[in-house]
Amino acid sequence: MVERSQDWEWSSLKPTIRSGPEGLLSDGAIANPSPWTRHVNGVQTEAELKSLRHSLARGTPFGDTRWQTATARQLGLESSLRPRGRPKKPNK
């Protein structure tokens, strides 16, 4: 692996002959925070890592709760937001 994201051969932070010319990738629908490279190379908190790992394990959209819910609805992934298994019986 590499210390900085832009040093990885296939990183979009480092345009090369292999990855294509600069500007090949679109900017995307959401503006990148400034400064983007420092953000990409930054260290995640334990809470961010936990949330990301949960998202990967369950196949849920990664983001804040409102965005997750809307995106899951659009993509038909609502079940990935619910807890696994049968719902617990209510206490009587």
N, C-alpha and C. Protein backbone atom coordinates (compact mmCIF):
# COMPACT_ATOMS: atom_id res chain seq x y z
N MET A 1 0.84 -1.17 0.00
CA MET A 1 0.00 0.00 0.00
C MET A 1 0.89 1.25 0.00
N VAL A 2 0.27 2.39 0.02
CA VAL A 2 1.02 3.65 -0.04
C VAL A 2 0.65 4.53 1.15
N GLU A 3 1.52 5.49 1.46
CA GLU A 3 1.24 6.40 2.57
C GLU A 3 0.24 7.47 2.18
N ARG A 4 0.31 7.94 0.93
CA ARG A 4 -0.60 8.99 0.47
C ARG A 4 -1.43 8.43 -0.69
N SER A 5 -2.71 8.74 -0.70
CA SER A 5 -3.62 8.22 -1.72
C SER A 5 -3.17 8.56 -3.13
N GLN A 6 -2.64 9.75 -3.34
CA GLN A 6 -2.22 10.16 -4.68
C GLN A 6 -1.00 9.38 -5.18
N ASP A 7 -0.34 8.61 -4.30
CA ASP A 7 0.81 7.81 -4.72
C ASP A 7 0.41 6.44 -5.25
N TRP A 8 -0.84 6.04 -5.07
CA TRP A 8 -1.32 4.76 -5.57
C TRP A 8 -1.53 4.89 -7.07
N GLU A 9 -1.03 3.95 -7.83
CA GLU A 9 -1.03 4.03 -9.29
C GLU A 9 -2.42 4.25 -9.88
N TRP A 10 -3.45 3.64 -9.32
CA TRP A 10 -4.79 3.72 -9.91
C TRP A 10 -5.69 4.71 -9.19
N SER A 11 -5.13 5.57 -8.39
CA SER A 11 -5.92 6.56 -7.65
C SER A 11 -6.39 7.67 -8.57
N SER A 12 -7.62 8.12 -8.38
CA SER A 12 -8.11 9.25 -9.16
C SER A 12 -7.45 10.56 -8.74
N LEU A 13 -6.72 10.53 -7.61
CA LEU A 13 -5.97 11.72 -7.20
C LEU A 13 -4.68 11.87 -8.01
N LYS A 14 -4.27 10.81 -8.72
CA LYS A 14 -3.01 10.85 -9.48
C LYS A 14 -3.29 10.44 -10.92
N PRO A 15 -3.65 11.38 -11.77
CA PRO A 15 -3.86 11.01 -13.17
C PRO A 15 -2.56 10.51 -13.79
N THR A 16 -2.62 9.36 -14.47
CA THR A 16 -1.47 8.78 -15.15
C THR A 16 -1.91 8.30 -16.52
N ILE A 17 -0.97 7.83 -17.30
CA ILE A 17 -1.31 7.26 -18.60
C ILE A 17 -2.29 6.10 -18.41
N ARG A 18 -2.04 5.30 -17.37
CA ARG A 18 -2.88 4.13 -17.11
C ARG A 18 -4.29 4.53 -16.67
N SER A 19 -4.41 5.55 -15.82
CA SER A 19 -5.73 5.93 -15.30
C SER A 19 -6.43 6.96 -16.17
N GLY A 20 -5.74 7.47 -17.18
CA GLY A 20 -6.35 8.42 -18.09
C GLY A 20 -5.89 9.84 -17.82
N PRO A 21 -6.21 10.73 -18.73
CA PRO A 21 -5.77 12.12 -18.58
C PRO A 21 -6.51 12.83 -17.46
N GLU A 22 -5.90 13.91 -16.96
CA GLU A 22 -6.54 14.71 -15.93
C GLU A 22 -7.87 15.23 -16.46
N GLY A 23 -8.89 15.20 -15.64
CA GLY A 23 -10.21 15.65 -16.06
C GLY A 23 -11.07 14.55 -16.64
N LEU A 24 -10.53 13.32 -16.74
CA LEU A 24 -11.31 12.21 -17.29
C LEU A 24 -12.50 11.88 -16.41
N LEU A 25 -12.28 11.93 -15.10
CA LEU A 25 -13.36 11.64 -14.17
C LEU A 25 -14.19 12.89 -13.94
N SER A 26 -15.50 12.72 -13.82
CA SER A 26 -16.36 13.87 -13.56
C SER A 26 -16.18 14.32 -12.11
N ASP A 27 -16.57 15.54 -11.82
CA ASP A 27 -16.46 16.06 -10.47
C ASP A 27 -17.47 15.42 -9.53
N GLY A 28 -18.51 14.82 -10.07
CA GLY A 28 -19.51 14.17 -9.24
C GLY A 28 -20.64 15.10 -8.87
N ALA A 29 -21.64 14.53 -8.24
CA ALA A 29 -22.85 15.29 -7.91
C ALA A 29 -22.69 16.16 -6.67
N ILE A 30 -21.72 15.84 -5.83
CA ILE A 30 -21.51 16.58 -4.59
C ILE A 30 -20.11 17.19 -4.62
N ALA A 31 -20.01 18.45 -4.24
CA ALA A 31 -18.70 19.11 -4.22
C ALA A 31 -17.82 18.47 -3.15
N ASN A 32 -16.55 18.27 -3.49
CA ASN A 32 -15.60 17.72 -2.52
C ASN A 32 -15.25 18.78 -1.48
N PRO A 33 -15.09 18.35 -0.22
CA PRO A 33 -14.67 19.31 0.79
C PRO A 33 -13.29 19.86 0.45
N SER A 34 -13.00 21.04 0.92
CA SER A 34 -11.70 21.62 0.64
C SER A 34 -10.88 21.56 1.92
N PRO A 35 -9.64 21.24 1.87
CA PRO A 35 -8.86 20.68 0.76
C PRO A 35 -9.09 19.18 0.64
N TRP A 36 -9.49 18.73 -0.54
CA TRP A 36 -9.90 17.35 -0.78
C TRP A 36 -8.79 16.34 -0.51
N THR A 37 -7.58 16.59 -1.01
CA THR A 37 -6.49 15.63 -0.84
C THR A 37 -6.19 15.41 0.65
N ARG A 38 -6.19 16.46 1.45
CA ARG A 38 -5.96 16.30 2.89
C ARG A 38 -7.09 15.49 3.52
N HIS A 39 -8.32 15.70 3.05
CA HIS A 39 -9.46 14.95 3.56
C HIS A 39 -9.31 13.45 3.23
N VAL A 40 -8.94 13.15 1.99
CA VAL A 40 -8.78 11.75 1.56
C VAL A 40 -7.67 11.07 2.35
N ASN A 41 -6.59 11.77 2.58
CA ASN A 41 -5.45 11.19 3.29
C ASN A 41 -5.60 11.22 4.80
N GLY A 42 -6.66 11.84 5.31
CA GLY A 42 -6.86 11.97 6.75
C GLY A 42 -7.17 10.64 7.42
N VAL A 43 -7.09 10.65 8.72
CA VAL A 43 -7.35 9.45 9.52
C VAL A 43 -8.81 9.49 9.98
N GLN A 44 -9.48 8.34 9.88
CA GLN A 44 -10.87 8.26 10.31
C GLN A 44 -10.92 8.01 11.82
N THR A 45 -11.99 8.53 12.43
CA THR A 45 -12.21 8.26 13.85
C THR A 45 -12.75 6.85 14.00
N GLU A 46 -12.73 6.34 15.23
CA GLU A 46 -13.28 5.00 15.48
C GLU A 46 -14.75 4.94 15.11
N ALA A 47 -15.50 6.02 15.37
CA ALA A 47 -16.93 6.06 15.04
C ALA A 47 -17.12 5.99 13.52
N GLU A 48 -16.29 6.71 12.77
CA GLU A 48 -16.39 6.67 11.30
C GLU A 48 -16.06 5.28 10.77
N LEU A 49 -15.02 4.66 11.32
CA LEU A 49 -14.67 3.31 10.89
C LEU A 49 -15.77 2.31 11.21
N LYS A 50 -16.36 2.43 12.40
CA LYS A 50 -17.45 1.53 12.79
C LYS A 50 -18.63 1.67 11.84
N SER A 51 -18.99 2.91 11.52
CA SER A 51 -20.10 3.17 10.61
C SER A 51 -19.80 2.64 9.21
N LEU A 52 -18.59 2.84 8.74
CA LEU A 52 -18.20 2.36 7.41
C LEU A 52 -18.20 0.84 7.36
N ARG A 53 -17.66 0.21 8.39
CA ARG A 53 -17.64 -1.27 8.43
C ARG A 53 -19.07 -1.84 8.47
N HIS A 54 -19.93 -1.19 9.23
CA HIS A 54 -21.34 -1.63 9.29
C HIS A 54 -21.98 -1.51 7.91
N SER A 55 -21.74 -0.40 7.24
CA SER A 55 -22.30 -0.18 5.92
C SER A 55 -21.81 -1.23 4.92
N LEU A 56 -20.53 -1.54 4.98
CA LEU A 56 -19.97 -2.56 4.07
C LEU A 56 -20.53 -3.94 4.38
N ALA A 57 -20.61 -4.27 5.66
CA ALA A 57 -21.09 -5.60 6.05
C ALA A 57 -22.56 -5.81 5.68
N ARG A 58 -23.38 -4.78 5.81
CA ARG A 58 -24.81 -4.91 5.56
C ARG A 58 -25.23 -4.52 4.15
N GLY A 59 -24.33 -3.86 3.40
CA GLY A 59 -24.69 -3.41 2.06
C GLY A 59 -25.61 -2.21 2.08
N THR A 60 -25.48 -1.39 3.13
CA THR A 60 -26.31 -0.19 3.24
C THR A 60 -25.59 1.01 2.64
N PRO A 61 -26.33 2.00 2.17
CA PRO A 61 -25.68 3.23 1.71
C PRO A 61 -24.92 3.86 2.87
N PHE A 62 -23.79 4.47 2.58
CA PHE A 62 -22.97 5.10 3.62
C PHE A 62 -23.20 6.60 3.61
N GLY A 63 -23.63 7.14 4.73
CA GLY A 63 -23.89 8.58 4.85
C GLY A 63 -24.72 8.85 6.08
N ASP A 64 -25.21 10.08 6.19
CA ASP A 64 -26.04 10.39 7.36
C ASP A 64 -27.39 9.68 7.23
N THR A 65 -28.11 9.60 8.33
CA THR A 65 -29.33 8.80 8.41
C THR A 65 -30.37 9.21 7.36
N ARG A 66 -30.59 10.50 7.21
CA ARG A 66 -31.59 10.96 6.23
C ARG A 66 -31.21 10.55 4.81
N TRP A 67 -29.93 10.72 4.46
CA TRP A 67 -29.47 10.35 3.12
C TRP A 67 -29.54 8.84 2.93
N GLN A 68 -29.14 8.08 3.96
CA GLN A 68 -29.21 6.62 3.89
C GLN A 68 -30.63 6.15 3.59
N THR A 69 -31.58 6.70 4.32
CA THR A 69 -32.98 6.30 4.16
C THR A 69 -33.48 6.61 2.75
N ALA A 70 -33.23 7.80 2.28
CA ALA A 70 -33.68 8.20 0.93
C ALA A 70 -33.02 7.35 -0.14
N THR A 71 -31.73 7.12 -0.02
CA THR A 71 -31.00 6.35 -1.02
C THR A 71 -31.43 4.89 -0.99
N ALA A 72 -31.60 4.33 0.20
CA ALA A 72 -32.06 2.94 0.32
C ALA A 72 -33.44 2.78 -0.33
N ARG A 73 -34.30 3.77 -0.15
CA ARG A 73 -35.64 3.72 -0.75
C ARG A 73 -35.52 3.73 -2.27
N GLN A 74 -34.69 4.60 -2.82
CA GLN A 74 -34.51 4.69 -4.27
C GLN A 74 -33.95 3.40 -4.86
N LEU A 75 -33.04 2.76 -4.13
CA LEU A 75 -32.37 1.57 -4.66
C LEU A 75 -33.01 0.26 -4.22
N GLY A 76 -34.10 0.35 -3.44
CA GLY A 76 -34.77 -0.87 -2.98
C GLY A 76 -33.96 -1.62 -1.93
N LEU A 77 -33.22 -0.89 -1.09
CA LEU A 77 -32.38 -1.51 -0.07
C LEU A 77 -32.90 -1.30 1.34
N GLU A 78 -34.19 -1.04 1.48
CA GLU A 78 -34.74 -0.74 2.80
C GLU A 78 -34.45 -1.84 3.81
N SER A 79 -34.45 -3.10 3.36
CA SER A 79 -34.22 -4.21 4.28
C SER A 79 -32.81 -4.17 4.88
N SER A 80 -31.86 -3.54 4.19
CA SER A 80 -30.50 -3.48 4.72
C SER A 80 -30.39 -2.51 5.90
N LEU A 81 -31.40 -1.67 6.10
CA LEU A 81 -31.39 -0.72 7.22
C LEU A 81 -32.03 -1.30 8.48
N ARG A 82 -32.82 -2.37 8.31
CA ARG A 82 -33.47 -2.98 9.46
C ARG A 82 -32.52 -3.99 10.13
N PRO A 83 -32.71 -4.23 11.43
CA PRO A 83 -31.88 -5.24 12.10
C PRO A 83 -32.11 -6.61 11.48
N ARG A 84 -31.09 -7.46 11.51
CA ARG A 84 -31.22 -8.82 10.98
C ARG A 84 -32.07 -9.67 11.91
N GLY A 85 -32.68 -10.69 11.33
CA GLY A 85 -33.44 -11.65 12.12
C GLY A 85 -34.89 -11.24 12.30
N ARG A 86 -35.55 -12.07 13.04
CA ARG A 86 -36.96 -11.84 13.35
C ARG A 86 -37.14 -10.73 14.35
N PRO A 87 -38.20 -9.95 14.21
CA PRO A 87 -38.46 -8.91 15.22
C PRO A 87 -38.73 -9.55 16.58
N LYS A 88 -38.31 -8.91 17.63
CA LYS A 88 -38.53 -9.44 18.97
C LYS A 88 -40.01 -9.33 19.34
N LYS A 89 -40.49 -10.30 20.11
CA LYS A 89 -41.87 -10.27 20.57
C LYS A 89 -42.01 -9.19 21.62
N PRO A 90 -43.12 -8.47 21.60
CA PRO A 90 -43.33 -7.43 22.62
C PRO A 90 -43.51 -8.06 24.00
N ASN A 91 -42.99 -7.39 25.01
CA ASN A 91 -43.17 -7.87 26.40
C ASN A 91 -44.60 -7.64 26.84
N LYS A 92 -45.15 -8.60 27.56
CA LYS A 92 -46.52 -8.48 28.03
C LYS A 92 -46.56 -8.16 29.48
